[in-house]
Amino acid sequence: MSHGLPDTLSVISGEERVLQGTDLRNAMRRLPHDDRLVVVLYFYLDMPLPEVAAVVGGAVGAVRRRLYRAVRRMRPDIVIEEAI
């Protein structure tokens, strides 16, 4: 599942990878618990939206909106280097 991410991956150094991981962890910590939960279930555990909705007890559309808002909130905190 691509999750809307680019198909090409850039090669980054270990130091850059650590910094990006730190950015991601910090961005995740700033999310409200419910938003963080849907991000973890969908992106980290690779659950389809209907399963995420069943776990959190919500409608698929509501989970999709929560996921979209969570990613939008995290985006300014995460710097992704693109290969040229």
PDB file of N, CA and C in Angstrom:
ATOM      1  N   MET A   1       0.854  -1.173   0.000  1.00  0.00           N
ATOM      2  CA  MET A   1       0.000   0.000   0.000  1.00  0.00           C
ATOM      3  C   MET A   1       0.898   1.233   0.000  1.00  0.00           C
ATOM      4  N   SER A   2       0.659   2.174  -0.888  1.00  0.00           N
ATOM      5  CA  SER A   2       1.559   3.319  -1.022  1.00  0.00           C
ATOM      6  C   SER A   2       1.211   4.461  -0.087  1.00  0.00           C
ATOM      7  N   HIS A   3      -0.011   4.521   0.437  1.00  0.00           N
ATOM      8  CA  HIS A   3      -0.432   5.590   1.345  1.00  0.00           C
ATOM      9  C   HIS A   3      -0.252   6.972   0.745  1.00  0.00           C
ATOM     10  N   GLY A   4      -0.239   7.089  -0.563  1.00  0.00           N
ATOM     11  CA  GLY A   4      -0.102   8.394  -1.198  1.00  0.00           C
ATOM     12  C   GLY A   4       1.303   8.953  -1.178  1.00  0.00           C
ATOM     13  N   LEU A   5       2.277   8.116  -0.897  1.00  0.00           N
ATOM     14  CA  LEU A   5       3.662   8.563  -0.842  1.00  0.00           C
ATOM     15  C   LEU A   5       4.319   8.351  -2.196  1.00  0.00           C
ATOM     16  N   PRO A   6       5.383   9.102  -2.498  1.00  0.00           N
ATOM     17  CA  PRO A   6       6.064   8.914  -3.779  1.00  0.00           C
ATOM     18  C   PRO A   6       6.587   7.492  -3.923  1.00  0.00           C
ATOM     19  N   ASP A   7       6.600   6.995  -5.150  1.00  0.00           N
ATOM     20  CA  ASP A   7       7.097   5.642  -5.395  1.00  0.00           C
ATOM     21  C   ASP A   7       8.615   5.569  -5.341  1.00  0.00           C
ATOM     22  N   THR A   8       9.293   6.686  -5.612  1.00  0.00           N
ATOM     23  CA  THR A   8      10.751   6.682  -5.604  1.00  0.00           C
ATOM     24  C   THR A   8      11.259   7.072  -4.225  1.00  0.00           C
ATOM     25  N   LEU A   9      12.303   6.410  -3.799  1.00  0.00           N
ATOM     26  CA  LEU A   9      12.907   6.692  -2.502  1.00  0.00           C
ATOM     27  C   LEU A   9      14.291   7.265  -2.714  1.00  0.00           C
ATOM     28  N   SER A  10      14.626   8.268  -1.940  1.00  0.00           N
ATOM     29  CA  SER A  10      15.964   8.828  -2.039  1.00  0.00           C
ATOM     30  C   SER A  10      16.880   8.101  -1.062  1.00  0.00           C
ATOM     31  N   VAL A  11      18.139   8.077  -1.384  1.00  0.00           N
ATOM     32  CA  VAL A  11      19.132   7.489  -0.503  1.00  0.00           C
ATOM     33  C   VAL A  11      19.594   8.591   0.432  1.00  0.00           C
ATOM     34  N   ILE A  12      19.427   8.364   1.732  1.00  0.00           N
ATOM     35  CA  ILE A  12      19.830   9.383   2.697  1.00  0.00           C
ATOM     36  C   ILE A  12      20.825   8.772   3.669  1.00  0.00           C
ATOM     37  N   SER A  13      21.636   9.640   4.241  1.00  0.00           N
ATOM     38  CA  SER A  13      22.653   9.173   5.181  1.00  0.00           C
ATOM     39  C   SER A  13      21.995   8.746   6.490  1.00  0.00           C
ATOM     40  N   GLY A  14      22.742   8.017   7.289  1.00  0.00           N
ATOM     41  CA  GLY A  14      22.247   7.589   8.589  1.00  0.00           C
ATOM     42  C   GLY A  14      21.879   8.761   9.472  1.00  0.00           C
ATOM     43  N   GLU A  15      22.691   9.817   9.433  1.00  0.00           N
ATOM     44  CA  GLU A  15      22.419  11.003  10.246  1.00  0.00           C
ATOM     45  C   GLU A  15      21.111  11.672   9.814  1.00  0.00           C
ATOM     46  N   GLU A  16      20.904  11.804   8.498  1.00  0.00           N
ATOM     47  CA  GLU A  16      19.663  12.405   8.000  1.00  0.00           C
ATOM     48  C   GLU A  16      18.462  11.552   8.392  1.00  0.00           C
ATOM     49  N   ARG A  17      18.635  10.236   8.333  1.00  0.00           N
ATOM     50  CA  ARG A  17      17.546   9.327   8.698  1.00  0.00           C
ATOM     51  C   ARG A  17      17.181   9.512  10.173  1.00  0.00           C
ATOM     52  N   VAL A  18      18.174   9.654  11.039  1.00  0.00           N
ATOM     53  CA  VAL A  18      17.924   9.868  12.463  1.00  0.00           C
ATOM     54  C   VAL A  18      17.191  11.184  12.671  1.00  0.00           C
ATOM     55  N   LEU A  19      17.640  12.240  11.984  1.00  0.00           N
ATOM     56  CA  LEU A  19      16.984  13.540  12.129  1.00  0.00           C
ATOM     57  C   LEU A  19      15.541  13.490  11.649  1.00  0.00           C
ATOM     58  N   GLN A  20      15.289  12.822  10.531  1.00  0.00           N
ATOM     59  CA  GLN A  20      13.919  12.710  10.032  1.00  0.00           C
ATOM     60  C   GLN A  20      13.063  11.888  10.987  1.00  0.00           C
ATOM     61  N   GLY A  21      13.638  10.835  11.556  1.00  0.00           N
ATOM     62  CA  GLY A  21      12.910  10.030  12.533  1.00  0.00           C
ATOM     63  C   GLY A  21      12.566  10.831  13.767  1.00  0.00           C
ATOM     64  N   THR A  22      13.492  11.685  14.198  1.00  0.00           N
ATOM     65  CA  THR A  22      13.246  12.553  15.344  1.00  0.00           C
ATOM     66  C   THR A  22      12.133  13.537  15.026  1.00  0.00           C
ATOM     67  N   ASP A  23      12.169  14.128  13.829  1.00  0.00           N
ATOM     68  CA  ASP A  23      11.103  15.042  13.412  1.00  0.00           C
ATOM     69  C   ASP A  23       9.752  14.341  13.444  1.00  0.00           C
ATOM     70  N   LEU A  24       9.707  13.128  12.926  1.00  0.00           N
ATOM     71  CA  LEU A  24       8.452  12.380  12.881  1.00  0.00           C
ATOM     72  C   LEU A  24       7.955  12.064  14.286  1.00  0.00           C
ATOM     73  N   ARG A  25       8.847  11.617  15.155  1.00  0.00           N
ATOM     74  CA  ARG A  25       8.443  11.316  16.538  1.00  0.00           C
ATOM     75  C   ARG A  25       7.908  12.558  17.229  1.00  0.00           C
ATOM     76  N   ASN A  26       8.593  13.686  17.060  1.00  0.00           N
ATOM     77  CA  ASN A  26       8.127  14.926  17.682  1.00  0.00           C
ATOM     78  C   ASN A  26       6.774  15.349  17.131  1.00  0.00           C
ATOM     79  N   ALA A  27       6.595  15.224  15.824  1.00  0.00           N
ATOM     80  CA  ALA A  27       5.314  15.577  15.208  1.00  0.00           C
ATOM     81  C   ALA A  27       4.207  14.662  15.731  1.00  0.00           C
ATOM     82  N   MET A  28       4.498  13.382  15.876  1.00  0.00           N
ATOM     83  CA  MET A  28       3.499  12.439  16.397  1.00  0.00           C
ATOM     84  C   MET A  28       3.134  12.769  17.840  1.00  0.00           C
ATOM     85  N   ARG A  29       4.120  13.142  18.645  1.00  0.00           N
ATOM     86  CA  ARG A  29       3.854  13.472  20.053  1.00  0.00           C
ATOM     87  C   ARG A  29       2.923  14.667  20.199  1.00  0.00           C
ATOM     88  N   ARG A  30       2.983  15.591  19.243  1.00  0.00           N
ATOM     89  CA  ARG A  30       2.148  16.787  19.321  1.00  0.00           C
ATOM     90  C   ARG A  30       0.697  16.535  18.912  1.00  0.00           C
ATOM     91  N   LEU A  31       0.442  15.395  18.299  1.00  0.00           N
ATOM     92  CA  LEU A  31      -0.930  15.083  17.895  1.00  0.00           C
ATOM     93  C   LEU A  31      -1.776  14.702  19.106  1.00  0.00           C
ATOM     94  N   PRO A  32      -3.062  15.030  19.068  1.00  0.00           N
ATOM     95  CA  PRO A  32      -3.964  14.500  20.093  1.00  0.00           C
ATOM     96  C   PRO A  32      -3.972  12.966  20.029  1.00  0.00           C
ATOM     97  N   HIS A  33      -4.252  12.338  21.141  1.00  0.00           N
ATOM     98  CA  HIS A  33      -4.206  10.876  21.242  1.00  0.00           C
ATOM     99  C   HIS A  33      -5.017  10.194  20.143  1.00  0.00           C
ATOM    100  N   ASP A  34      -6.252  10.627  19.912  1.00  0.00           N
ATOM    101  CA  ASP A  34      -7.104   9.975  18.912  1.00  0.00           C
ATOM    102  C   ASP A  34      -6.517  10.079  17.507  1.00  0.00           C
ATOM    103  N   ASP A  35      -5.914  11.227  17.181  1.00  0.00           N
ATOM    104  CA  ASP A  35      -5.278  11.393  15.870  1.00  0.00           C
ATOM    105  C   ASP A  35      -4.054  10.491  15.752  1.00  0.00           C
ATOM    106  N   ARG A  36      -3.261  10.448  16.806  1.00  0.00           N
ATOM    107  CA  ARG A  36      -2.061   9.606  16.808  1.00  0.00           C
ATOM    108  C   ARG A  36      -2.450   8.136  16.632  1.00  0.00           C
ATOM    109  N   LEU A  37      -3.538   7.734  17.268  1.00  0.00           N
ATOM    110  CA  LEU A  37      -3.989   6.346  17.171  1.00  0.00           C
ATOM    111  C   LEU A  37      -4.326   5.966  15.731  1.00  0.00           C
ATOM    112  N   VAL A  38      -5.084   6.804  15.023  1.00  0.00           N
ATOM    113  CA  VAL A  38      -5.436   6.445  13.639  1.00  0.00           C
ATOM    114  C   VAL A  38      -4.204   6.449  12.739  1.00  0.00           C
ATOM    115  N   VAL A  39      -3.247   7.342  12.993  1.00  0.00           N
ATOM    116  CA  VAL A  39      -2.007   7.362  12.201  1.00  0.00           C
ATOM    117  C   VAL A  39      -1.230   6.065  12.417  1.00  0.00           C
ATOM    118  N   VAL A  40      -1.114   5.643  13.655  1.00  0.00           N
ATOM    119  CA  VAL A  40      -0.372   4.413  13.958  1.00  0.00           C
ATOM    120  C   VAL A  40      -1.069   3.197  13.350  1.00  0.00           C
ATOM    121  N   LEU A  41      -2.367   3.114  13.527  1.00  0.00           N
ATOM    122  CA  LEU A  41      -3.091   1.957  12.995  1.00  0.00           C
ATOM    123  C   LEU A  41      -3.001   1.889  11.472  1.00  0.00           C
ATOM    124  N   TYR A  42      -3.156   3.022  10.806  1.00  0.00           N
ATOM    125  CA  TYR A  42      -3.201   3.029   9.346  1.00  0.00           C
ATOM    126  C   TYR A  42      -1.817   2.919   8.719  1.00  0.00           C
ATOM    127  N   PHE A  43      -0.884   3.770   9.154  1.00  0.00           N
ATOM    128  CA  PHE A  43       0.428   3.801   8.506  1.00  0.00           C
ATOM    129  C   PHE A  43       1.410   2.774   9.068  1.00  0.00           C
ATOM    130  N   TYR A  44       1.446   2.613  10.388  1.00  0.00           N
ATOM    131  CA  TYR A  44       2.438   1.712  10.977  1.00  0.00           C
ATOM    132  C   TYR A  44       1.976   0.261  10.980  1.00  0.00           C
ATOM    133  N   LEU A  45       0.703   0.036  11.289  1.00  0.00           N
ATOM    134  CA  LEU A  45       0.191  -1.333  11.330  1.00  0.00           C
ATOM    135  C   LEU A  45      -0.478  -1.738  10.024  1.00  0.00           C
ATOM    136  N   ASP A  46      -0.532  -0.800   9.073  1.00  0.00           N
ATOM    137  CA  ASP A  46      -1.027  -1.065   7.719  1.00  0.00           C
ATOM    138  C   ASP A  46      -2.455  -1.610   7.700  1.00  0.00           C
ATOM    139  N   MET A  47      -3.291  -1.106   8.617  1.00  0.00           N
ATOM    140  CA  MET A  47      -4.695  -1.521   8.650  1.00  0.00           C
ATOM    141  C   MET A  47      -5.486  -0.756   7.596  1.00  0.00           C
ATOM    142  N   PRO A  48      -6.406  -1.427   6.925  1.00  0.00           N
ATOM    143  CA  PRO A  48      -7.289  -0.704   6.004  1.00  0.00           C
ATOM    144  C   PRO A  48      -8.248   0.193   6.801  1.00  0.00           C
ATOM    145  N   LEU A  49      -8.750   1.240   6.166  1.00  0.00           N
ATOM    146  CA  LEU A  49      -9.622   2.197   6.853  1.00  0.00           C
ATOM    147  C   LEU A  49     -10.817   1.547   7.559  1.00  0.00           C
ATOM    148  N   PRO A  50     -11.500   0.568   6.958  1.00  0.00           N
ATOM    149  CA  PRO A  50     -12.625  -0.044   7.680  1.00  0.00           C
ATOM    150  C   PRO A  50     -12.203  -0.704   8.999  1.00  0.00           C
ATOM    151  N   GLU A  51     -11.014  -1.306   9.027  1.00  0.00           N
ATOM    152  CA  GLU A  51     -10.529  -1.910  10.270  1.00  0.00           C
ATOM    153  C   GLU A  51     -10.173  -0.844  11.297  1.00  0.00           C
ATOM    154  N   VAL A  52      -9.530   0.234  10.851  1.00  0.00           N
ATOM    155  CA  VAL A  52      -9.210   1.337  11.762  1.00  0.00           C
ATOM    156  C   VAL A  52     -10.503   1.872  12.363  1.00  0.00           C
ATOM    157  N   ALA A  53     -11.519   2.061  11.527  1.00  0.00           N
ATOM    158  CA  ALA A  53     -12.810   2.567  12.001  1.00  0.00           C
ATOM    159  C   ALA A  53     -13.409   1.632  13.047  1.00  0.00           C
ATOM    160  N   ALA A  54     -13.306   0.326  12.827  1.00  0.00           N
ATOM    161  CA  ALA A  54     -13.836  -0.637  13.791  1.00  0.00           C
ATOM    162  C   ALA A  54     -13.091  -0.557  15.120  1.00  0.00           C
ATOM    163  N   VAL A  55     -11.778  -0.392  15.071  1.00  0.00           N
ATOM    164  CA  VAL A  55     -10.971  -0.321  16.297  1.00  0.00           C
ATOM    165  C   VAL A  55     -11.306   0.934  17.097  1.00  0.00           C
ATOM    166  N   VAL A  56     -11.421   2.074  16.416  1.00  0.00           N
ATOM    167  CA  VAL A  56     -11.659   3.333  17.136  1.00  0.00           C
ATOM    168  C   VAL A  56     -13.139   3.602  17.363  1.00  0.00           C
ATOM    169  N   GLY A  57     -14.003   2.779  16.769  1.00  0.00           N
ATOM    170  CA  GLY A  57     -15.434   2.936  16.983  1.00  0.00           C
ATOM    171  C   GLY A  57     -16.035   4.117  16.246  1.00  0.00           C
ATOM    172  N   GLY A  58     -15.591   4.343  15.025  1.00  0.00           N
ATOM    173  CA  GLY A  58     -16.109   5.458  14.238  1.00  0.00           C
ATOM    174  C   GLY A  58     -16.435   5.023  12.827  1.00  0.00           C
ATOM    175  N   ALA A  59     -17.010   5.946  12.080  1.00  0.00           N
ATOM    176  CA  ALA A  59     -17.328   5.694  10.678  1.00  0.00           C
ATOM    177  C   ALA A  59     -16.063   5.836   9.833  1.00  0.00           C
ATOM    178  N   VAL A  60     -16.021   5.149   8.715  1.00  0.00           N
ATOM    179  CA  VAL A  60     -14.859   5.195   7.827  1.00  0.00           C
ATOM    180  C   VAL A  60     -14.583   6.630   7.379  1.00  0.00           C
ATOM    181  N   GLY A  61     -15.614   7.373   7.018  1.00  0.00           N
ATOM    182  CA  GLY A  61     -15.434   8.762   6.579  1.00  0.00           C
ATOM    183  C   GLY A  61     -14.831   9.632   7.668  1.00  0.00           C
ATOM    184  N   ALA A  62     -15.268   9.427   8.905  1.00  0.00           N
ATOM    185  CA  ALA A  62     -14.736  10.206  10.027  1.00  0.00           C
ATOM    186  C   ALA A  62     -13.267   9.870  10.265  1.00  0.00           C
ATOM    187  N   VAL A  63     -12.926   8.595  10.144  1.00  0.00           N
ATOM    188  CA  VAL A  63     -11.532   8.174  10.323  1.00  0.00           C
ATOM    189  C   VAL A  63     -10.672   8.747   9.205  1.00  0.00           C
ATOM    190  N   ARG A  64     -11.187   8.738   7.985  1.00  0.00           N
ATOM    191  CA  ARG A  64     -10.451   9.300   6.848  1.00  0.00           C
ATOM    192  C   ARG A  64     -10.177  10.788   7.088  1.00  0.00           C
ATOM    193  N   ARG A  65     -11.170  11.535   7.561  1.00  0.00           N
ATOM    194  CA  ARG A  65     -10.976  12.967   7.846  1.00  0.00           C
ATOM    195  C   ARG A  65      -9.963  13.175   8.970  1.00  0.00           C
ATOM    196  N   ARG A  66     -10.057  12.367  10.018  1.00  0.00           N
ATOM    197  CA  ARG A  66      -9.112  12.482  11.141  1.00  0.00           C
ATOM    198  C   ARG A  66      -7.692  12.200  10.669  1.00  0.00           C
ATOM    199  N   LEU A  67      -7.527  11.203   9.830  1.00  0.00           N
ATOM    200  CA  LEU A  67      -6.214  10.851   9.288  1.00  0.00           C
ATOM    201  C   LEU A  67      -5.667  11.987   8.432  1.00  0.00           C
ATOM    202  N   TYR A  68      -6.506  12.541   7.578  1.00  0.00           N
ATOM    203  CA  TYR A  68      -6.098  13.655   6.718  1.00  0.00           C
ATOM    204  C   TYR A  68      -5.657  14.853   7.567  1.00  0.00           C
ATOM    205  N   ARG A  69      -6.449  15.185   8.585  1.00  0.00           N
ATOM    206  CA  ARG A  69      -6.096  16.328   9.445  1.00  0.00           C
ATOM    207  C   ARG A  69      -4.811  16.065  10.218  1.00  0.00           C
ATOM    208  N   ALA A  70      -4.616  14.840  10.685  1.00  0.00           N
ATOM    209  CA  ALA A  70      -3.406  14.507  11.441  1.00  0.00           C
ATOM    210  C   ALA A  70      -2.167  14.656  10.565  1.00  0.00           C
ATOM    211  N   VAL A  71      -2.236  14.143   9.349  1.00  0.00           N
ATOM    212  CA  VAL A  71      -1.094  14.253   8.434  1.00  0.00           C
ATOM    213  C   VAL A  71      -0.839  15.716   8.105  1.00  0.00           C
ATOM    214  N   ARG A  72      -1.889  16.479   7.891  1.00  0.00           N
ATOM    215  CA  ARG A  72      -1.742  17.906   7.583  1.00  0.00           C
ATOM    216  C   ARG A  72      -1.081  18.650   8.752  1.00  0.00           C
ATOM    217  N   ARG A  73      -1.434  18.278   9.989  1.00  0.00           N
ATOM    218  CA  ARG A  73      -0.816  18.912  11.168  1.00  0.00           C
ATOM    219  C   ARG A  73       0.660  18.563  11.292  1.00  0.00           C
ATOM    220  N   MET A  74       1.021  17.349  10.922  1.00  0.00           N
ATOM    221  CA  MET A  74       2.416  16.918  11.066  1.00  0.00           C
ATOM    222  C   MET A  74       3.312  17.447   9.959  1.00  0.00           C
ATOM    223  N   ARG A  75       2.753  17.702   8.793  1.00  0.00           N
ATOM    224  CA  ARG A  75       3.546  18.053   7.613  1.00  0.00           C
ATOM    225  C   ARG A  75       4.553  19.181   7.858  1.00  0.00           C
ATOM    226  N   PRO A  76       4.196  20.304   8.504  1.00  0.00           N
ATOM    227  CA  PRO A  76       5.192  21.376   8.689  1.00  0.00           C
ATOM    228  C   PRO A  76       6.383  20.968   9.569  1.00  0.00           C
ATOM    229  N   ASP A  77       6.191  19.955  10.414  1.00  0.00           N
ATOM    230  CA  ASP A  77       7.248  19.527  11.334  1.00  0.00           C
ATOM    231  C   ASP A  77       8.213  18.521  10.724  1.00  0.00           C
ATOM    232  N   ILE A  78       7.871  17.984   9.564  1.00  0.00           N
ATOM    233  CA  ILE A  78       8.684  16.930   8.964  1.00  0.00           C
ATOM    234  C   ILE A  78       9.311  17.447   7.683  1.00  0.00           C
ATOM    235  N   VAL A  79      10.637  17.409   7.651  1.00  0.00           N
ATOM    236  CA  VAL A  79      11.367  17.839   6.464  1.00  0.00           C
ATOM    237  C   VAL A  79      11.778  16.590   5.706  1.00  0.00           C
ATOM    238  N   ILE A  80      11.347  16.492   4.464  1.00  0.00           N
ATOM    239  CA  ILE A  80      11.697  15.341   3.636  1.00  0.00           C
ATOM    240  C   ILE A  80      12.615  15.824   2.529  1.00  0.00           C
ATOM    241  N   GLU A  81      13.805  15.259   2.496  1.00  0.00           N
ATOM    242  CA  GLU A  81      14.775  15.609   1.464  1.00  0.00           C
ATOM    243  C   GLU A  81      14.463  14.808   0.211  1.00  0.00           C
ATOM    244  N   GLU A  82      14.380  15.473  -0.920  1.00  0.00           N
ATOM    245  CA  GLU A  82      14.135  14.777  -2.179  1.00  0.00           C
ATOM    246  C   GLU A  82      15.428  14.682  -2.972  1.00  0.00           C
ATOM    247  N   ALA A  83      15.630  13.546  -3.601  1.00  0.00           N
ATOM    248  CA  ALA A  83      16.815  13.358  -4.444  1.00  0.00           C
ATOM    249  C   ALA A  83      16.609  14.092  -5.758  1.00  0.00           C
ATOM    250  N   ILE A  84      17.669  14.682  -6.256  1.00  0.00           N
ATOM    251  CA  ILE A  84      17.595  15.401  -7.538  1.00  0.00           C
ATOM    252  C   ILE A  84      18.108  14.509  -8.637  1.00  0.00           C
TER     253      ILE A  84
END
